[in-house]
Amino acid sequence: MFPNWDYKDNAWGMSIDMNSCTGCNACIVSCYAENNIAVVGKQQVRIGRNMQWLRIDTYFEGDLSAPRAHFQPMMCQHCETRRASKFAR
């Protein structure tokens, strides 16, 4: 629809303070909104038709009766120039 915009001096990224992450998924919601990712619903997710560029992995430690949760956001691994997509064809 629109021509690609060349960012000569800037690169975009998202940073998350992992010491403050509570697993609230606000970063995932903002990623969906900013990148216009389609929300497909439960039925389509069951058959593998969802797209996520960001997820939150949850790790547990400690006693099984009272485990402590740690959250680690896993960011997308593509860049703005998408050089890898040239080789994926």
PDB file of N, CA and C in Angstrom:
ATOM      1  N   MET A   1       0.815  -1.174   0.000  1.00  0.00           N
ATOM      2  CA  MET A   1       0.000   0.000   0.000  1.00  0.00           C
ATOM      3  C   MET A   1       0.869   1.252   0.000  1.00  0.00           C
ATOM      4  N   PHE A   2       1.819   1.328   0.935  1.00  0.00           N
ATOM      5  CA  PHE A   2       2.721   2.462   1.007  1.00  0.00           C
ATOM      6  C   PHE A   2       4.135   1.969   0.748  1.00  0.00           C
ATOM      7  N   PRO A   3       4.994   2.804   0.180  1.00  0.00           N
ATOM      8  CA  PRO A   3       6.381   2.380  -0.027  1.00  0.00           C
ATOM      9  C   PRO A   3       7.101   2.221   1.314  1.00  0.00           C
ATOM     10  N   ASN A   4       8.112   1.357   1.325  1.00  0.00           N
ATOM     11  CA  ASN A   4       8.896   1.161   2.542  1.00  0.00           C
ATOM     12  C   ASN A   4       9.617   2.447   2.909  1.00  0.00           C
ATOM     13  N   TRP A   5       9.678   2.723   4.201  1.00  0.00           N
ATOM     14  CA  TRP A   5      10.347   3.915   4.691  1.00  0.00           C
ATOM     15  C   TRP A   5      11.745   3.522   5.125  1.00  0.00           C
ATOM     16  N   ASP A   6      12.733   4.274   4.671  1.00  0.00           N
ATOM     17  CA  ASP A   6      14.123   3.982   5.002  1.00  0.00           C
ATOM     18  C   ASP A   6      14.516   4.756   6.257  1.00  0.00           C
ATOM     19  N   TYR A   7      14.802   4.038   7.341  1.00  0.00           N
ATOM     20  CA  TYR A   7      15.246   4.654   8.591  1.00  0.00           C
ATOM     21  C   TYR A   7      16.764   4.711   8.563  1.00  0.00           C
ATOM     22  N   LYS A   8      17.321   5.828   8.145  1.00  0.00           N
ATOM     23  CA  LYS A   8      18.768   5.925   7.950  1.00  0.00           C
ATOM     24  C   LYS A   8      19.550   5.921   9.254  1.00  0.00           C
ATOM     25  N   ASP A   9      19.076   6.640  10.252  1.00  0.00           N
ATOM     26  CA  ASP A   9      19.844   6.792  11.480  1.00  0.00           C
ATOM     27  C   ASP A   9      19.215   6.114  12.685  1.00  0.00           C
ATOM     28  N   ASN A  10      18.051   5.486  12.525  1.00  0.00           N
ATOM     29  CA  ASN A  10      17.341   4.909  13.663  1.00  0.00           C
ATOM     30  C   ASN A  10      17.023   3.437  13.423  1.00  0.00           C
ATOM     31  N   ALA A  11      16.959   2.709  14.487  1.00  0.00           N
ATOM     32  CA  ALA A  11      16.473   1.334  14.451  1.00  0.00           C
ATOM     33  C   ALA A  11      15.466   1.197  15.583  1.00  0.00           C
ATOM     34  N   TRP A  12      14.396   0.463  15.326  1.00  0.00           N
ATOM     35  CA  TRP A  12      13.326   0.321  16.299  1.00  0.00           C
ATOM     36  C   TRP A  12      13.531  -0.930  17.127  1.00  0.00           C
ATOM     37  N   GLY A  13      13.110  -0.873  18.359  1.00  0.00           N
ATOM     38  CA  GLY A  13      13.204  -2.027  19.234  1.00  0.00           C
ATOM     39  C   GLY A  13      12.327  -1.829  20.452  1.00  0.00           C
ATOM     40  N   MET A  14      12.179  -2.889  21.225  1.00  0.00           N
ATOM     41  CA  MET A  14      11.400  -2.824  22.456  1.00  0.00           C
ATOM     42  C   MET A  14      12.270  -3.390  23.566  1.00  0.00           C
ATOM     43  N   SER A  15      12.320  -2.711  24.661  1.00  0.00           N
ATOM     44  CA  SER A  15      13.056  -3.237  25.805  1.00  0.00           C
ATOM     45  C   SER A  15      12.090  -3.447  26.962  1.00  0.00           C
ATOM     46  N   ILE A  16      12.350  -4.495  27.720  1.00  0.00           N
ATOM     47  CA  ILE A  16      11.500  -4.846  28.859  1.00  0.00           C
ATOM     48  C   ILE A  16      12.403  -5.065  30.066  1.00  0.00           C
ATOM     49  N   ASP A  17      12.088  -4.397  31.155  1.00  0.00           N
ATOM     50  CA  ASP A  17      12.831  -4.575  32.396  1.00  0.00           C
ATOM     51  C   ASP A  17      12.411  -5.913  33.003  1.00  0.00           C
ATOM     52  N   MET A  18      13.266  -6.910  32.871  1.00  0.00           N
ATOM     53  CA  MET A  18      12.896  -8.254  33.329  1.00  0.00           C
ATOM     54  C   MET A  18      12.812  -8.350  34.842  1.00  0.00           C
ATOM     55  N   ASN A  19      13.419  -7.423  35.568  1.00  0.00           N
ATOM     56  CA  ASN A  19      13.276  -7.411  37.021  1.00  0.00           C
ATOM     57  C   ASN A  19      11.893  -6.931  37.441  1.00  0.00           C
ATOM     58  N   SER A  20      11.214  -6.206  36.554  1.00  0.00           N
ATOM     59  CA  SER A  20       9.885  -5.687  36.862  1.00  0.00           C
ATOM     60  C   SER A  20       8.765  -6.471  36.200  1.00  0.00           C
ATOM     61  N   CYS A  21       9.106  -7.446  35.363  1.00  0.00           N
ATOM     62  CA  CYS A  21       8.084  -8.188  34.620  1.00  0.00           C
ATOM     63  C   CYS A  21       7.241  -9.035  35.572  1.00  0.00           C
ATOM     64  N   THR A  22       5.919  -8.851  35.483  1.00  0.00           N
ATOM     65  CA  THR A  22       4.996  -9.618  36.313  1.00  0.00           C
ATOM     66  C   THR A  22       4.195 -10.632  35.505  1.00  0.00           C
ATOM     67  N   GLY A  23       4.484 -10.724  34.203  1.00  0.00           N
ATOM     68  CA  GLY A  23       3.752 -11.654  33.356  1.00  0.00           C
ATOM     69  C   GLY A  23       2.373 -11.162  32.988  1.00  0.00           C
ATOM     70  N   CYS A  24       2.155  -9.855  32.966  1.00  0.00           N
ATOM     71  CA  CYS A  24       0.818  -9.294  32.736  1.00  0.00           C
ATOM     72  C   CYS A  24       0.400  -9.309  31.261  1.00  0.00           C
ATOM     73  N   ASN A  25       1.341  -9.557  30.340  1.00  0.00           N
ATOM     74  CA  ASN A  25       1.095  -9.634  28.896  1.00  0.00           C
ATOM     75  C   ASN A  25       0.799  -8.291  28.244  1.00  0.00           C
ATOM     76  N   ALA A  26       1.048  -7.178  28.920  1.00  0.00           N
ATOM     77  CA  ALA A  26       0.819  -5.859  28.313  1.00  0.00           C
ATOM     78  C   ALA A  26       1.733  -5.645  27.108  1.00  0.00           C
ATOM     79  N   CYS A  27       2.950  -6.173  27.141  1.00  0.00           N
ATOM     80  CA  CYS A  27       3.855  -6.025  26.000  1.00  0.00           C
ATOM     81  C   CYS A  27       3.325  -6.788  24.792  1.00  0.00           C
ATOM     82  N   ILE A  28       2.691  -7.933  25.027  1.00  0.00           N
ATOM     83  CA  ILE A  28       2.114  -8.713  23.930  1.00  0.00           C
ATOM     84  C   ILE A  28       0.944  -7.956  23.314  1.00  0.00           C
ATOM     85  N   VAL A  29       0.104  -7.369  24.154  1.00  0.00           N
ATOM     86  CA  VAL A  29      -1.032  -6.591  23.650  1.00  0.00           C
ATOM     87  C   VAL A  29      -0.531  -5.410  22.821  1.00  0.00           C
ATOM     88  N   SER A  30       0.488  -4.714  23.294  1.00  0.00           N
ATOM     89  CA  SER A  30       1.004  -3.569  22.544  1.00  0.00           C
ATOM     90  C   SER A  30       1.652  -4.006  21.237  1.00  0.00           C
ATOM     91  N   CYS A  31       2.285  -5.166  21.212  1.00  0.00           N
ATOM     92  CA  CYS A  31       2.876  -5.693  19.978  1.00  0.00           C
ATOM     93  C   CYS A  31       1.784  -6.011  18.959  1.00  0.00           C
ATOM     94  N   TYR A  32       0.715  -6.660  19.401  1.00  0.00           N
ATOM     95  CA  TYR A  32      -0.413  -6.948  18.507  1.00  0.00           C
ATOM     96  C   TYR A  32      -0.977  -5.653  17.929  1.00  0.00           C
ATOM     97  N   ALA A  33      -1.166  -4.638  18.785  1.00  0.00           N
ATOM     98  CA  ALA A  33      -1.770  -3.385  18.339  1.00  0.00           C
ATOM     99  C   ALA A  33      -0.848  -2.622  17.397  1.00  0.00           C
ATOM    100  N   GLU A  34       0.424  -2.530  17.735  1.00  0.00           N
ATOM    101  CA  GLU A  34       1.363  -1.751  16.924  1.00  0.00           C
ATOM    102  C   GLU A  34       1.608  -2.383  15.562  1.00  0.00           C
ATOM    103  N   ASN A  35       1.625  -3.702  15.497  1.00  0.00           N
ATOM    104  CA  ASN A  35       1.952  -4.394  14.247  1.00  0.00           C
ATOM    105  C   ASN A  35       0.729  -4.907  13.500  1.00  0.00           C
ATOM    106  N   ASN A  36      -0.464  -4.549  13.968  1.00  0.00           N
ATOM    107  CA  ASN A  36      -1.712  -4.962  13.321  1.00  0.00           C
ATOM    108  C   ASN A  36      -1.783  -6.472  13.106  1.00  0.00           C
ATOM    109  N   ILE A  37      -1.434  -7.238  14.135  1.00  0.00           N
ATOM    110  CA  ILE A  37      -1.496  -8.694  14.056  1.00  0.00           C
ATOM    111  C   ILE A  37      -2.943  -9.122  14.255  1.00  0.00           C
ATOM    112  N   ALA A  38      -3.412  -9.965  13.387  1.00  0.00           N
ATOM    113  CA  ALA A  38      -4.806 -10.402  13.453  1.00  0.00           C
ATOM    114  C   ALA A  38      -5.056 -11.284  14.665  1.00  0.00           C
ATOM    115  N   VAL A  39      -6.182 -11.075  15.318  1.00  0.00           N
ATOM    116  CA  VAL A  39      -6.631 -11.938  16.401  1.00  0.00           C
ATOM    117  C   VAL A  39      -7.627 -12.910  15.785  1.00  0.00           C
ATOM    118  N   VAL A  40      -7.342 -14.211  15.881  1.00  0.00           N
ATOM    119  CA  VAL A  40      -8.127 -15.177  15.111  1.00  0.00           C
ATOM    120  C   VAL A  40      -9.137 -15.977  15.923  1.00  0.00           C
ATOM    121  N   GLY A  41      -9.014 -16.036  17.227  1.00  0.00           N
ATOM    122  CA  GLY A  41      -9.980 -16.780  18.037  1.00  0.00           C
ATOM    123  C   GLY A  41      -9.511 -18.189  18.367  1.00  0.00           C
ATOM    124  N   LYS A  42     -10.199 -18.815  19.325  1.00  0.00           N
ATOM    125  CA  LYS A  42      -9.787 -20.120  19.860  1.00  0.00           C
ATOM    126  C   LYS A  42      -9.756 -21.219  18.803  1.00  0.00           C
ATOM    127  N   GLN A  43     -10.778 -21.286  17.968  1.00  0.00           N
ATOM    128  CA  GLN A  43     -10.853 -22.362  16.976  1.00  0.00           C
ATOM    129  C   GLN A  43      -9.677 -22.307  15.995  1.00  0.00           C
ATOM    130  N   GLN A  44      -9.331 -21.129  15.532  1.00  0.00           N
ATOM    131  CA  GLN A  44      -8.219 -20.994  14.596  1.00  0.00           C
ATOM    132  C   GLN A  44      -6.876 -21.270  15.275  1.00  0.00           C
ATOM    133  N   VAL A  45      -6.742 -20.900  16.553  1.00  0.00           N
ATOM    134  CA  VAL A  45      -5.517 -21.201  17.292  1.00  0.00           C
ATOM    135  C   VAL A  45      -5.344 -22.706  17.428  1.00  0.00           C
ATOM    136  N   ARG A  46      -6.435 -23.436  17.659  1.00  0.00           N
ATOM    137  CA  ARG A  46      -6.361 -24.897  17.793  1.00  0.00           C
ATOM    138  C   ARG A  46      -5.790 -25.562  16.548  1.00  0.00           C
ATOM    139  N   ILE A  47      -6.050 -24.981  15.386  1.00  0.00           N
ATOM    140  CA  ILE A  47      -5.542 -25.589  14.155  1.00  0.00           C
ATOM    141  C   ILE A  47      -4.261 -24.905  13.667  1.00  0.00           C
ATOM    142  N   GLY A  48      -3.641 -24.106  14.537  1.00  0.00           N
ATOM    143  CA  GLY A  48      -2.334 -23.543  14.248  1.00  0.00           C
ATOM    144  C   GLY A  48      -2.322 -22.295  13.388  1.00  0.00           C
ATOM    145  N   ARG A  49      -3.387 -21.529  13.371  1.00  0.00           N
ATOM    146  CA  ARG A  49      -3.464 -20.360  12.505  1.00  0.00           C
ATOM    147  C   ARG A  49      -3.288 -19.053  13.273  1.00  0.00           C
ATOM    148  N   ASN A  50      -2.498 -19.073  14.324  1.00  0.00           N
ATOM    149  CA  ASN A  50      -2.229 -17.837  15.048  1.00  0.00           C
ATOM    150  C   ASN A  50      -0.814 -17.356  14.729  1.00  0.00           C
ATOM    151  N   MET A  51      -0.557 -16.086  14.988  1.00  0.00           N
ATOM    152  CA  MET A  51       0.756 -15.514  14.767  1.00  0.00           C
ATOM    153  C   MET A  51       1.132 -14.731  16.015  1.00  0.00           C
ATOM    154  N   GLN A  52       2.302 -15.005  16.537  1.00  0.00           N
ATOM    155  CA  GLN A  52       2.811 -14.248  17.677  1.00  0.00           C
ATOM    156  C   GLN A  52       4.265 -13.907  17.416  1.00  0.00           C
ATOM    157  N   TRP A  53       4.614 -12.669  17.665  1.00  0.00           N
ATOM    158  CA  TRP A  53       6.002 -12.267  17.550  1.00  0.00           C
ATOM    159  C   TRP A  53       6.634 -12.107  18.928  1.00  0.00           C
ATOM    160  N   LEU A  54       5.845 -12.257  19.957  1.00  0.00           N
ATOM    161  CA  LEU A  54       6.322 -12.067  21.323  1.00  0.00           C
ATOM    162  C   LEU A  54       5.549 -13.025  22.216  1.00  0.00           C
ATOM    163  N   ARG A  55       6.256 -13.674  23.103  1.00  0.00           N
ATOM    164  CA  ARG A  55       5.591 -14.542  24.071  1.00  0.00           C
ATOM    165  C   ARG A  55       6.301 -14.384  25.415  1.00  0.00           C
ATOM    166  N   ILE A  56       5.650 -14.842  26.465  1.00  0.00           N
ATOM    167  CA  ILE A  56       6.252 -14.792  27.794  1.00  0.00           C
ATOM    168  C   ILE A  56       6.405 -16.220  28.292  1.00  0.00           C
ATOM    169  N   ASP A  57       7.644 -16.631  28.493  1.00  0.00           N
ATOM    170  CA  ASP A  57       7.920 -17.943  29.067  1.00  0.00           C
ATOM    171  C   ASP A  57       7.886 -17.828  30.589  1.00  0.00           C
ATOM    172  N   THR A  58       7.323 -18.826  31.234  1.00  0.00           N
ATOM    173  CA  THR A  58       7.223 -18.836  32.688  1.00  0.00           C
ATOM    174  C   THR A  58       8.033 -19.993  33.236  1.00  0.00           C
ATOM    175  N   TYR A  59       8.879 -19.700  34.192  1.00  0.00           N
ATOM    176  CA  TYR A  59       9.705 -20.711  34.845  1.00  0.00           C
ATOM    177  C   TYR A  59       9.389 -20.711  36.334  1.00  0.00           C
ATOM    178  N   PHE A  60       9.410 -21.885  36.935  1.00  0.00           N
ATOM    179  CA  PHE A  60       9.080 -22.024  38.347  1.00  0.00           C
ATOM    180  C   PHE A  60      10.268 -22.589  39.106  1.00  0.00           C
ATOM    181  N   GLU A  61      10.396 -22.177  40.368  1.00  0.00           N
ATOM    182  CA  GLU A  61      11.431 -22.726  41.248  1.00  0.00           C
ATOM    183  C   GLU A  61      10.866 -22.843  42.658  1.00  0.00           C
ATOM    184  N   GLY A  62      11.517 -23.658  43.444  1.00  0.00           N
ATOM    185  CA  GLY A  62      11.119 -23.784  44.833  1.00  0.00           C
ATOM    186  C   GLY A  62      10.232 -24.978  45.094  1.00  0.00           C
ATOM    187  N   ASP A  63       9.615 -24.965  46.249  1.00  0.00           N
ATOM    188  CA  ASP A  63       8.761 -26.051  46.710  1.00  0.00           C
ATOM    189  C   ASP A  63       7.521 -26.182  45.824  1.00  0.00           C
ATOM    190  N   LEU A  64       7.106 -27.404  45.540  1.00  0.00           N
ATOM    191  CA  LEU A  64       5.950 -27.632  44.682  1.00  0.00           C
ATOM    192  C   LEU A  64       4.642 -27.114  45.292  1.00  0.00           C
ATOM    193  N   SER A  65       4.586 -27.038  46.595  1.00  0.00           N
ATOM    194  CA  SER A  65       3.361 -26.543  47.231  1.00  0.00           C
ATOM    195  C   SER A  65       3.260 -25.017  47.167  1.00  0.00           C
ATOM    196  N   ALA A  66       4.388 -24.338  46.993  1.00  0.00           N
ATOM    197  CA  ALA A  66       4.388 -22.875  46.892  1.00  0.00           C
ATOM    198  C   ALA A  66       5.512 -22.439  45.938  1.00  0.00           C
ATOM    199  N   PRO A  67       5.378 -22.724  44.649  1.00  0.00           N
ATOM    200  CA  PRO A  67       6.459 -22.374  43.720  1.00  0.00           C
ATOM    201  C   PRO A  67       6.549 -20.867  43.480  1.00  0.00           C
ATOM    202  N   ARG A  68       7.722 -20.425  43.136  1.00  0.00           N
ATOM    203  CA  ARG A  68       7.955 -19.021  42.795  1.00  0.00           C
ATOM    204  C   ARG A  68       8.087 -18.923  41.281  1.00  0.00           C
ATOM    205  N   ALA A  69       7.343 -18.017  40.664  1.00  0.00           N
ATOM    206  CA  ALA A  69       7.342 -17.879  39.205  1.00  0.00           C
ATOM    207  C   ALA A  69       8.318 -16.794  38.761  1.00  0.00           C
ATOM    208  N   HIS A  70       8.997 -17.073  37.660  1.00  0.00           N
ATOM    209  CA  HIS A  70       9.863 -16.098  36.998  1.00  0.00           C
ATOM    210  C   HIS A  70       9.380 -15.983  35.553  1.00  0.00           C
ATOM    211  N   PHE A  71       9.324 -14.768  35.044  1.00  0.00           N
ATOM    212  CA  PHE A  71       8.818 -14.533  33.693  1.00  0.00           C
ATOM    213  C   PHE A  71       9.939 -14.036  32.805  1.00  0.00           C
ATOM    214  N   GLN A  72       9.995 -14.560  31.595  1.00  0.00           N
ATOM    215  CA  GLN A  72      11.009 -14.139  30.635  1.00  0.00           C
ATOM    216  C   GLN A  72      10.350 -13.841  29.290  1.00  0.00           C
ATOM    217  N   PRO A  73      10.230 -12.559  28.937  1.00  0.00           N
ATOM    218  CA  PRO A  73       9.676 -12.223  27.626  1.00  0.00           C
ATOM    219  C   PRO A  73      10.636 -12.679  26.522  1.00  0.00           C
ATOM    220  N   MET A  74      10.099 -13.338  25.524  1.00  0.00           N
ATOM    221  CA  MET A  74      10.881 -13.782  24.367  1.00  0.00           C
ATOM    222  C   MET A  74      10.466 -12.917  23.183  1.00  0.00           C
ATOM    223  N   MET A  75      11.351 -12.036  22.779  1.00  0.00           N
ATOM    224  CA  MET A  75      11.038 -11.062  21.738  1.00  0.00           C
ATOM    225  C   MET A  75      11.131 -11.691  20.355  1.00  0.00           C
ATOM    226  N   CYS A  76      10.564 -10.993  19.391  1.00  0.00           N
ATOM    227  CA  CYS A  76      10.655 -11.448  18.005  1.00  0.00           C
ATOM    228  C   CYS A  76      12.121 -11.455  17.592  1.00  0.00           C
ATOM    229  N   GLN A  77      12.459 -12.274  16.642  1.00  0.00           N
ATOM    230  CA  GLN A  77      13.840 -12.407  16.209  1.00  0.00           C
ATOM    231  C   GLN A  77      14.038 -11.936  14.772  1.00  0.00           C
ATOM    232  N   HIS A  78      13.100 -11.140  14.265  1.00  0.00           N
ATOM    233  CA  HIS A  78      13.290 -10.602  12.922  1.00  0.00           C
ATOM    234  C   HIS A  78      13.681  -9.137  13.019  1.00  0.00           C
ATOM    235  N   CYS A  79      14.310  -8.672  11.977  1.00  0.00           N
ATOM    236  CA  CYS A  79      14.747  -7.282  11.974  1.00  0.00           C
ATOM    237  C   CYS A  79      13.964  -6.496  10.928  1.00  0.00           C
ATOM    238  N   GLU A  80      14.179  -5.200  10.886  1.00  0.00           N
ATOM    239  CA  GLU A  80      13.422  -4.369   9.950  1.00  0.00           C
ATOM    240  C   GLU A  80      13.751  -4.663   8.499  1.00  0.00           C
ATOM    241  N   THR A  81      14.985  -5.058   8.219  1.00  0.00           N
ATOM    242  CA  THR A  81      15.346  -5.314   6.829  1.00  0.00           C
ATOM    243  C   THR A  81      14.974  -6.723   6.399  1.00  0.00           C
ATOM    244  N   ARG A  82      14.706  -7.603   7.327  1.00  0.00           N
ATOM    245  CA  ARG A  82      14.269  -8.979   7.074  1.00  0.00           C
ATOM    246  C   ARG A  82      15.166  -9.680   6.059  1.00  0.00           C
ATOM    247  N   ARG A  83      16.462  -9.616   6.281  1.00  0.00           N
ATOM    248  CA  ARG A  83      17.408 -10.266   5.369  1.00  0.00           C
ATOM    249  C   ARG A  83      17.182 -11.767   5.330  1.00  0.00           C
ATOM    250  N   ALA A  84      16.816 -12.355   6.452  1.00  0.00           N
ATOM    251  CA  ALA A  84      16.609 -13.805   6.503  1.00  0.00           C
ATOM    252  C   ALA A  84      15.478 -14.245   5.586  1.00  0.00           C
ATOM    253  N   SER A  85      14.490 -13.376   5.371  1.00  0.00           N
ATOM    254  CA  SER A  85      13.355 -13.765   4.519  1.00  0.00           C
ATOM    255  C   SER A  85      13.778 -13.960   3.069  1.00  0.00           C
ATOM    256  N   LYS A  86      14.874 -13.356   2.657  1.00  0.00           N
ATOM    257  CA  LYS A  86      15.369 -13.548   1.291  1.00  0.00           C
ATOM    258  C   LYS A  86      15.818 -14.985   1.076  1.00  0.00           C
ATOM    259  N   PHE A  87      16.337 -15.608   2.145  1.00  0.00           N
ATOM    260  CA  PHE A  87      16.864 -16.965   2.027  1.00  0.00           C
ATOM    261  C   PHE A  87      15.812 -18.025   2.344  1.00  0.00           C
ATOM    262  N   ALA A  88      14.688 -17.614   2.892  1.00  0.00           N
ATOM    263  CA  ALA A  88      13.659 -18.571   3.301  1.00  0.00           C
ATOM    264  C   ALA A  88      12.753 -18.979   2.139  1.00  0.00           C
ATOM    265  N   ARG A  89      12.928 -18.404   1.007  1.00  0.00           N
ATOM    266  CA  ARG A  89      12.053 -18.707  -0.138  1.00  0.00           C
ATOM    267  C   ARG A  89      12.302 -20.031  -0.731  1.00  0.00           C
TER     268      ARG A  89
END
